[in-house]
Every structure is written in C-alpha cells, then in structure tokens.
Amino acid sequence: MSRINLCGFAALTLIALAPTQADAFGACLKGQKPFQLSGDEISYSMSISPGADCIQGLRWSFMQVYAVWPLKKPANGELVMVGPGFRYFAKPGFTGTDKFTLLVVGKNRHEEGYSTVEITVSPQDEAPKIVPGSAPEAAVAKPKLAAVTIE
C-alpha cells in the first residue's frame, strides 16, 4: 500500500472512530466570557440533552492553561478532564439542574494565576414530537388558495 493511501486510510479510520454524540468544541456553553486568571470567579451555563455529552475547551487565544482541576463534581453527570478542558456526560434520566466547579491555572499574557469557573447545567429542551393523527384538524394549518385570473 502506498504511503498516500496509508495516510488516507488512517485519516478515515480516525474520523469513523470519532464520537458522534458529543457537541462540537465550545458549542455547549452559553454566553461564555473569558476569565482572567487573576483569582476571579466566573459562571457559565450549559444546556445538554439527557444522555448526551459535551466537550468544552477552556483556553483562550491570549492565555496558556497549565492545569484544570475539578473542585466540585457534578451530581447528575460525569466529568472527565481533557487537557485544558473537560467532557461532561449527562445521565440518561437527567432532569433539573446540575453544577460543577473547576479551578483553571495558567498564564494570561504575562501574569500567572488562577480562575474558578462554576458551570450550571440544565437539560436541553427537545422539539415537541408530533405523532401523525394525534393533532386535531383545527390545529393543523392548511394553506388557503386564492383564485387568480390572468387576462
């Protein structure tokens, strides 16, 4: 097998083995503002469907993250540290809210320090499911046709 084919095969294998349920990098957190690594405390919120998971990085382009440690673990999910970020797995029957707190240690431009990040997790609302024949006729919008005469 040629070197190009072998590299292509390896790339396709990695893509095929990649987890598909996880949200993209940073897609789970809402209103994410940078922390400063200056002893500051910041709060983020995240929505996730029961049984789903999210991968979230915590490094900003102007900082270097040395380590991330959980200070308070979640009660309704599992937290796995992944480099300068985390992966949160919501329990399949997850309802209500969940919280966890992380300590981020690193360097913001030229100053070393830490930040405390508290993340509040809420279940993501799923779109209502419509079962055929379950909605009354009046609830189903029907287009109205107008007669048009062209002369």
N, C-alpha and C. Protein backbone atom coordinates (compact mmCIF):
# COMPACT_ATOMS: atom_id res chain seq x y z
N MET A 1 0.86 -1.17 0.00
CA MET A 1 0.00 0.00 0.00
C MET A 1 0.91 1.23 0.00
N SER A 2 0.58 2.20 -0.83
CA SER A 2 1.44 3.38 -0.91
C SER A 2 1.27 4.25 0.32
N ARG A 3 2.24 5.11 0.51
CA ARG A 3 2.23 6.00 1.69
C ARG A 3 1.00 6.90 1.70
N ILE A 4 0.59 7.43 0.54
CA ILE A 4 -0.58 8.32 0.46
C ILE A 4 -1.85 7.55 0.82
N ASN A 5 -1.99 6.34 0.27
CA ASN A 5 -3.17 5.53 0.58
C ASN A 5 -3.22 5.18 2.06
N LEU A 6 -2.06 4.87 2.64
CA LEU A 6 -2.00 4.52 4.06
C LEU A 6 -2.40 5.71 4.93
N CYS A 7 -1.94 6.91 4.59
CA CYS A 7 -2.32 8.11 5.35
C CYS A 7 -3.81 8.40 5.21
N GLY A 8 -4.34 8.23 4.01
CA GLY A 8 -5.77 8.44 3.79
C GLY A 8 -6.60 7.45 4.58
N PHE A 9 -6.16 6.19 4.57
CA PHE A 9 -6.85 5.15 5.34
C PHE A 9 -6.84 5.46 6.83
N ALA A 10 -5.69 5.91 7.34
CA ALA A 10 -5.57 6.25 8.76
C ALA A 10 -6.50 7.42 9.11
N ALA A 11 -6.56 8.43 8.24
CA ALA A 11 -7.42 9.59 8.50
C ALA A 11 -8.89 9.17 8.51
N LEU A 12 -9.30 8.35 7.56
CA LEU A 12 -10.69 7.90 7.51
C LEU A 12 -11.03 7.04 8.72
N THR A 13 -10.09 6.24 9.17
CA THR A 13 -10.31 5.41 10.37
C THR A 13 -10.52 6.29 11.59
N LEU A 14 -9.70 7.34 11.74
CA LEU A 14 -9.86 8.25 12.89
C LEU A 14 -11.20 8.97 12.84
N ILE A 15 -11.63 9.38 11.66
CA ILE A 15 -12.93 10.06 11.52
C ILE A 15 -14.06 9.10 11.89
N ALA A 16 -13.96 7.87 11.42
CA ALA A 16 -15.01 6.88 11.70
C ALA A 16 -15.09 6.53 13.17
N LEU A 17 -13.95 6.55 13.88
CA LEU A 17 -13.93 6.19 15.29
C LEU A 17 -14.26 7.35 16.21
N ALA A 18 -14.32 8.56 15.66
CA ALA A 18 -14.60 9.74 16.49
C ALA A 18 -16.00 9.65 17.07
N PRO A 19 -16.19 10.07 18.33
CA PRO A 19 -17.53 10.03 18.93
C PRO A 19 -18.47 10.97 18.19
N THR A 20 -19.71 10.55 18.00
CA THR A 20 -20.65 11.34 17.24
C THR A 20 -21.67 12.06 18.10
N GLN A 21 -21.86 11.66 19.35
CA GLN A 21 -22.87 12.28 20.19
C GLN A 21 -22.41 13.59 20.80
N ALA A 22 -21.13 13.81 20.93
CA ALA A 22 -20.63 14.99 21.61
C ALA A 22 -20.86 16.23 20.77
N ASP A 23 -21.20 17.32 21.43
CA ASP A 23 -21.33 18.58 20.74
C ASP A 23 -19.94 19.07 20.36
N ALA A 24 -19.89 19.93 19.38
CA ALA A 24 -18.61 20.46 18.91
C ALA A 24 -17.93 21.29 20.00
N PHE A 25 -16.66 21.51 19.82
CA PHE A 25 -15.85 22.28 20.77
C PHE A 25 -16.53 23.59 21.11
N GLY A 26 -16.89 23.78 22.36
CA GLY A 26 -17.44 25.04 22.81
C GLY A 26 -18.90 25.28 22.49
N ALA A 27 -19.58 24.31 21.89
CA ALA A 27 -20.96 24.54 21.48
C ALA A 27 -21.95 24.47 22.64
N CYS A 28 -21.56 23.94 23.76
CA CYS A 28 -22.49 23.72 24.87
C CYS A 28 -22.67 24.94 25.76
N LEU A 29 -21.62 25.71 25.98
CA LEU A 29 -21.71 26.83 26.90
C LEU A 29 -22.39 28.02 26.26
N LYS A 30 -23.18 28.72 27.07
CA LYS A 30 -23.90 29.92 26.60
C LYS A 30 -23.25 31.16 27.19
N GLY A 31 -23.13 32.20 26.40
CA GLY A 31 -22.63 33.49 26.90
C GLY A 31 -21.27 33.41 27.53
N GLN A 32 -20.40 32.63 26.94
CA GLN A 32 -19.09 32.41 27.52
C GLN A 32 -18.21 33.65 27.37
N LYS A 33 -17.78 34.20 28.50
CA LYS A 33 -16.86 35.34 28.53
C LYS A 33 -15.54 34.85 29.08
N PRO A 34 -14.42 35.44 28.64
CA PRO A 34 -13.12 34.97 29.14
C PRO A 34 -12.94 35.23 30.63
N PHE A 35 -12.31 34.28 31.30
CA PHE A 35 -11.87 34.51 32.66
C PHE A 35 -10.48 35.14 32.56
N GLN A 36 -9.96 35.67 33.65
CA GLN A 36 -8.72 36.45 33.59
C GLN A 36 -7.51 35.80 34.23
N LEU A 37 -7.69 34.67 34.91
CA LEU A 37 -6.61 34.02 35.66
C LEU A 37 -6.01 34.99 36.68
N SER A 38 -6.89 35.76 37.31
CA SER A 38 -6.45 36.75 38.31
C SER A 38 -7.14 36.53 39.64
N GLY A 39 -7.45 35.27 39.96
CA GLY A 39 -8.19 34.97 41.18
C GLY A 39 -9.67 35.24 41.03
N ASP A 40 -10.13 35.46 39.80
CA ASP A 40 -11.52 35.80 39.55
C ASP A 40 -12.40 34.55 39.56
N GLU A 41 -13.69 34.79 39.78
CA GLU A 41 -14.69 33.73 39.74
C GLU A 41 -15.66 34.07 38.62
N ILE A 42 -15.97 33.09 37.79
CA ILE A 42 -16.87 33.32 36.66
C ILE A 42 -17.88 32.19 36.59
N SER A 43 -19.07 32.50 36.10
CA SER A 43 -20.13 31.49 35.98
C SER A 43 -20.53 31.34 34.52
N TYR A 44 -20.68 30.10 34.10
CA TYR A 44 -21.17 29.76 32.77
C TYR A 44 -22.42 28.92 32.93
N SER A 45 -23.24 28.87 31.87
CA SER A 45 -24.37 27.95 31.86
C SER A 45 -24.27 27.09 30.61
N MET A 46 -24.85 25.90 30.71
CA MET A 46 -24.76 24.94 29.63
C MET A 46 -26.07 24.18 29.55
N SER A 47 -26.55 23.91 28.34
CA SER A 47 -27.73 23.08 28.14
C SER A 47 -27.31 21.83 27.41
N ILE A 48 -27.84 20.70 27.86
CA ILE A 48 -27.48 19.42 27.26
C ILE A 48 -28.67 18.47 27.37
N SER A 49 -28.86 17.66 26.37
CA SER A 49 -29.95 16.68 26.39
C SER A 49 -29.59 15.53 27.33
N PRO A 50 -30.59 14.94 28.00
CA PRO A 50 -30.32 13.78 28.85
C PRO A 50 -29.62 12.68 28.05
N GLY A 51 -28.57 12.10 28.62
CA GLY A 51 -27.83 11.04 27.95
C GLY A 51 -26.77 11.52 26.97
N ALA A 52 -26.71 12.82 26.70
CA ALA A 52 -25.73 13.37 25.74
C ALA A 52 -24.47 13.79 26.48
N ASP A 53 -23.46 14.22 25.72
CA ASP A 53 -22.23 14.70 26.32
C ASP A 53 -21.73 15.91 25.55
N CYS A 54 -20.79 16.61 26.17
CA CYS A 54 -20.26 17.84 25.59
C CYS A 54 -18.77 17.92 25.87
N ILE A 55 -18.00 18.29 24.86
CA ILE A 55 -16.57 18.55 25.04
C ILE A 55 -16.39 20.06 25.00
N GLN A 56 -15.70 20.62 26.00
CA GLN A 56 -15.55 22.07 26.09
C GLN A 56 -14.11 22.42 26.46
N GLY A 57 -13.47 23.23 25.64
CA GLY A 57 -12.15 23.73 25.96
C GLY A 57 -12.24 24.98 26.82
N LEU A 58 -11.21 25.25 27.59
CA LEU A 58 -11.21 26.40 28.49
C LEU A 58 -10.07 27.38 28.20
N ARG A 59 -9.31 27.17 27.15
CA ARG A 59 -8.19 28.04 26.85
C ARG A 59 -8.63 29.11 25.86
N TRP A 60 -8.24 30.33 26.11
CA TRP A 60 -8.48 31.44 25.19
C TRP A 60 -7.19 31.72 24.42
N SER A 61 -7.28 32.39 23.32
CA SER A 61 -6.11 32.60 22.45
C SER A 61 -5.00 33.40 23.12
N PHE A 62 -5.31 34.16 24.15
CA PHE A 62 -4.32 35.02 24.80
C PHE A 62 -3.80 34.41 26.11
N MET A 63 -4.07 33.12 26.33
CA MET A 63 -3.61 32.52 27.59
C MET A 63 -3.08 31.11 27.37
N GLN A 64 -2.30 30.70 28.33
CA GLN A 64 -1.78 29.33 28.38
C GLN A 64 -2.35 28.68 29.63
N VAL A 65 -2.98 27.54 29.47
CA VAL A 65 -3.56 26.83 30.61
C VAL A 65 -2.61 25.71 31.02
N TYR A 66 -2.16 25.75 32.29
CA TYR A 66 -1.26 24.72 32.81
C TYR A 66 -2.05 23.49 33.27
N ALA A 67 -3.17 23.72 33.95
CA ALA A 67 -3.94 22.59 34.51
C ALA A 67 -5.37 23.02 34.81
N VAL A 68 -6.28 22.05 34.79
CA VAL A 68 -7.68 22.26 35.17
C VAL A 68 -8.04 21.14 36.14
N TRP A 69 -8.54 21.52 37.31
CA TRP A 69 -8.92 20.54 38.34
C TRP A 69 -10.37 20.76 38.75
N PRO A 70 -11.12 19.68 38.95
CA PRO A 70 -12.48 19.83 39.48
C PRO A 70 -12.43 20.12 40.98
N LEU A 71 -13.09 21.18 41.40
CA LEU A 71 -13.21 21.49 42.83
C LEU A 71 -14.50 20.89 43.40
N LYS A 72 -15.56 20.89 42.58
CA LYS A 72 -16.84 20.31 42.97
C LYS A 72 -17.34 19.51 41.78
N LYS A 73 -17.59 18.22 41.99
CA LYS A 73 -18.03 17.35 40.90
C LYS A 73 -19.54 17.45 40.70
N PRO A 74 -20.03 17.15 39.49
CA PRO A 74 -21.47 17.20 39.23
C PRO A 74 -22.20 16.03 39.89
N ALA A 75 -23.47 16.26 40.24
CA ALA A 75 -24.28 15.21 40.86
C ALA A 75 -25.11 14.44 39.84
N ASN A 76 -25.42 15.07 38.70
CA ASN A 76 -26.29 14.45 37.69
C ASN A 76 -25.56 14.09 36.41
N GLY A 77 -24.27 13.93 36.50
CA GLY A 77 -23.49 13.59 35.32
C GLY A 77 -22.08 13.19 35.71
N GLU A 78 -21.29 12.93 34.70
CA GLU A 78 -19.90 12.54 34.92
C GLU A 78 -19.00 13.57 34.25
N LEU A 79 -17.91 13.91 34.91
CA LEU A 79 -16.97 14.91 34.42
C LEU A 79 -15.62 14.24 34.19
N VAL A 80 -15.08 14.41 32.99
CA VAL A 80 -13.76 13.88 32.65
C VAL A 80 -12.91 15.05 32.18
N MET A 81 -11.73 15.19 32.76
CA MET A 81 -10.84 16.27 32.37
C MET A 81 -10.11 15.84 31.09
N VAL A 82 -10.05 16.77 30.12
CA VAL A 82 -9.43 16.51 28.82
C VAL A 82 -8.50 17.67 28.51
N GLY A 83 -7.21 17.52 28.82
CA GLY A 83 -6.25 18.60 28.58
C GLY A 83 -6.71 19.89 29.24
N PRO A 84 -6.72 21.02 28.50
CA PRO A 84 -7.19 22.28 29.07
C PRO A 84 -8.70 22.45 28.92
N GLY A 85 -9.44 21.40 29.19
CA GLY A 85 -10.88 21.45 29.06
C GLY A 85 -11.52 20.27 29.78
N PHE A 86 -12.78 20.00 29.43
CA PHE A 86 -13.50 18.92 30.09
C PHE A 86 -14.49 18.30 29.14
N ARG A 87 -14.98 17.14 29.54
CA ARG A 87 -16.08 16.48 28.84
C ARG A 87 -17.11 16.13 29.90
N TYR A 88 -18.34 16.60 29.71
CA TYR A 88 -19.43 16.36 30.65
C TYR A 88 -20.41 15.39 30.02
N PHE A 89 -20.77 14.34 30.75
CA PHE A 89 -21.74 13.35 30.31
C PHE A 89 -22.98 13.49 31.19
N ALA A 90 -24.12 13.84 30.62
CA ALA A 90 -25.37 13.93 31.39
C ALA A 90 -25.95 12.53 31.56
N LYS A 91 -26.48 12.25 32.75
CA LYS A 91 -27.13 10.95 32.97
C LYS A 91 -28.33 10.83 32.04
N PRO A 92 -28.66 9.61 31.58
CA PRO A 92 -29.79 9.44 30.66
C PRO A 92 -31.11 9.98 31.20
N GLY A 93 -31.40 9.88 32.48
CA GLY A 93 -32.66 10.38 33.04
C GLY A 93 -32.52 11.77 33.65
N PHE A 94 -31.55 12.54 33.19
CA PHE A 94 -31.23 13.85 33.77
C PHE A 94 -32.40 14.82 33.71
N THR A 95 -32.80 15.32 34.88
CA THR A 95 -33.80 16.39 34.97
C THR A 95 -33.29 17.38 36.01
N GLY A 96 -33.82 18.57 36.01
CA GLY A 96 -33.38 19.59 36.96
C GLY A 96 -32.08 20.22 36.52
N THR A 97 -31.31 20.70 37.48
CA THR A 97 -30.04 21.34 37.14
C THR A 97 -28.89 20.59 37.82
N ASP A 98 -27.72 20.83 37.31
CA ASP A 98 -26.50 20.24 37.84
C ASP A 98 -25.47 21.35 37.90
N LYS A 99 -24.49 21.23 38.77
CA LYS A 99 -23.43 22.23 38.89
C LYS A 99 -22.11 21.53 39.15
N PHE A 100 -21.06 22.12 38.61
CA PHE A 100 -19.71 21.69 38.97
C PHE A 100 -18.79 22.90 38.88
N THR A 101 -17.69 22.83 39.61
CA THR A 101 -16.75 23.95 39.69
C THR A 101 -15.36 23.46 39.32
N LEU A 102 -14.68 24.26 38.51
CA LEU A 102 -13.33 23.93 38.06
C LEU A 102 -12.35 25.01 38.47
N LEU A 103 -11.14 24.61 38.75
CA LEU A 103 -10.05 25.54 39.02
C LEU A 103 -9.13 25.51 37.80
N VAL A 104 -8.93 26.66 37.16
CA VAL A 104 -8.09 26.77 35.97
C VAL A 104 -6.83 27.54 36.37
N VAL A 105 -5.66 26.94 36.15
CA VAL A 105 -4.38 27.55 36.49
C VAL A 105 -3.59 27.74 35.21
N GLY A 106 -3.02 28.94 35.05
CA GLY A 106 -2.25 29.20 33.84
C GLY A 106 -1.64 30.57 33.81
N LYS A 107 -1.43 31.06 32.59
CA LYS A 107 -0.77 32.33 32.38
C LYS A 107 -1.60 33.14 31.38
N ASN A 108 -2.02 34.34 31.80
CA ASN A 108 -2.78 35.25 30.96
C ASN A 108 -1.82 36.32 30.45
N ARG A 109 -1.45 36.23 29.22
CA ARG A 109 -0.42 37.07 28.62
C ARG A 109 0.89 36.92 29.39
N HIS A 110 1.17 37.76 30.37
CA HIS A 110 2.44 37.69 31.10
C HIS A 110 2.29 37.33 32.57
N GLU A 111 1.07 37.30 33.08
CA GLU A 111 0.82 37.06 34.51
C GLU A 111 0.28 35.66 34.75
N GLU A 112 0.88 34.94 35.69
CA GLU A 112 0.37 33.63 36.07
C GLU A 112 -0.71 33.81 37.13
N GLY A 113 -1.67 32.88 37.14
CA GLY A 113 -2.73 32.97 38.14
C GLY A 113 -3.73 31.84 37.99
N TYR A 114 -4.91 32.05 38.55
CA TYR A 114 -5.96 31.03 38.50
C TYR A 114 -7.32 31.71 38.42
N SER A 115 -8.29 30.95 37.97
CA SER A 115 -9.69 31.36 37.95
C SER A 115 -10.53 30.19 38.43
N THR A 116 -11.66 30.51 39.04
CA THR A 116 -12.63 29.49 39.43
C THR A 116 -13.82 29.63 38.50
N VAL A 117 -14.18 28.53 37.84
CA VAL A 117 -15.27 28.53 36.86
C VAL A 117 -16.36 27.61 37.37
N GLU A 118 -17.56 28.18 37.62
CA GLU A 118 -18.71 27.38 38.03
C GLU A 118 -19.63 27.23 36.82
N ILE A 119 -20.03 26.00 36.54
CA ILE A 119 -20.88 25.73 35.38
C ILE A 119 -22.19 25.13 35.86
N THR A 120 -23.30 25.78 35.48
CA THR A 120 -24.64 25.31 35.80
C THR A 120 -25.19 24.62 34.55
N VAL A 121 -25.62 23.38 34.70
CA VAL A 121 -26.11 22.58 33.58
C VAL A 121 -27.61 22.42 33.70
N SER A 122 -28.32 22.66 32.61
CA SER A 122 -29.76 22.43 32.57
C SER A 122 -30.07 21.53 31.39
N PRO A 123 -31.15 20.73 31.48
CA PRO A 123 -31.50 19.86 30.36
C PRO A 123 -31.92 20.70 29.16
N GLN A 124 -31.49 20.26 27.99
CA GLN A 124 -31.85 20.96 26.76
C GLN A 124 -33.26 20.56 26.37
N ASP A 125 -34.08 21.56 26.03
CA ASP A 125 -35.44 21.28 25.60
C ASP A 125 -35.39 20.61 24.24
N GLU A 126 -36.11 19.53 24.13
CA GLU A 126 -36.20 18.86 22.85
C GLU A 126 -37.42 19.36 22.12
N ALA A 127 -37.37 19.37 20.80
CA ALA A 127 -38.50 19.81 19.99
C ALA A 127 -39.67 18.86 20.24
N PRO A 128 -40.89 19.41 20.33
CA PRO A 128 -42.04 18.54 20.56
C PRO A 128 -42.21 17.57 19.40
N LYS A 129 -42.55 16.33 19.75
CA LYS A 129 -42.74 15.31 18.72
C LYS A 129 -44.21 15.25 18.34
N ILE A 130 -44.48 15.29 17.06
CA ILE A 130 -45.86 15.23 16.58
C ILE A 130 -46.09 13.83 16.02
N VAL A 131 -47.06 13.15 16.58
CA VAL A 131 -47.41 11.82 16.12
C VAL A 131 -48.52 11.97 15.10
N PRO A 132 -48.37 11.38 13.91
CA PRO A 132 -49.42 11.50 12.88
C PRO A 132 -50.77 11.07 13.43
N GLY A 133 -51.79 11.91 13.15
CA GLY A 133 -53.14 11.61 13.58
C GLY A 133 -53.45 12.05 15.00
N SER A 134 -52.45 12.57 15.74
CA SER A 134 -52.70 12.95 17.13
C SER A 134 -53.17 14.40 17.26
N ALA A 135 -52.88 15.24 16.27
CA ALA A 135 -53.28 16.65 16.35
C ALA A 135 -54.68 16.81 15.77
N PRO A 136 -55.52 17.60 16.42
CA PRO A 136 -56.84 17.84 15.86
C PRO A 136 -56.72 18.60 14.54
N GLU A 137 -57.70 18.42 13.66
CA GLU A 137 -57.69 19.07 12.35
C GLU A 137 -57.55 20.59 12.44
N ALA A 138 -58.16 21.20 13.46
CA ALA A 138 -58.11 22.66 13.59
C ALA A 138 -56.70 23.15 13.89
N ALA A 139 -55.89 22.31 14.51
CA ALA A 139 -54.54 22.72 14.89
C ALA A 139 -53.56 22.66 13.72
N VAL A 140 -53.93 21.94 12.68
CA VAL A 140 -53.05 21.81 11.52
C VAL A 140 -53.35 22.93 10.54
N ALA A 141 -52.37 23.77 10.27
CA ALA A 141 -52.56 24.90 9.35
C ALA A 141 -52.63 24.38 7.93
N LYS A 142 -53.68 24.79 7.22
CA LYS A 142 -53.84 24.39 5.82
C LYS A 142 -53.71 25.65 4.98
N PRO A 143 -52.94 25.58 3.90
CA PRO A 143 -52.79 26.76 3.04
C PRO A 143 -54.10 27.09 2.35
N LYS A 144 -54.38 28.38 2.22
CA LYS A 144 -55.58 28.83 1.53
C LYS A 144 -55.17 29.21 0.11
N LEU A 145 -55.90 28.73 -0.86
CA LEU A 145 -55.60 29.03 -2.25
C LEU A 145 -56.50 30.16 -2.71
N ALA A 146 -55.92 31.10 -3.42
CA ALA A 146 -56.71 32.20 -3.96
C ALA A 146 -56.83 32.02 -5.46
N ALA A 147 -57.99 32.34 -5.99
CA ALA A 147 -58.20 32.25 -7.44
C ALA A 147 -57.60 33.47 -8.09
N VAL A 148 -56.84 33.26 -9.12
CA VAL A 148 -56.20 34.36 -9.85
C VAL A 148 -56.62 34.26 -11.30
N THR A 149 -57.10 35.36 -11.84
CA THR A 149 -57.49 35.40 -13.24
C THR A 149 -56.49 36.25 -13.99
N ILE A 150 -55.93 35.70 -15.06
CA ILE A 150 -54.97 36.44 -15.89
C ILE A 150 -55.62 36.70 -17.21
N GLU A 151 -55.69 37.94 -17.63
CA GLU A 151 -56.32 38.30 -18.90
C GLU A 151 -55.30 38.75 -19.90
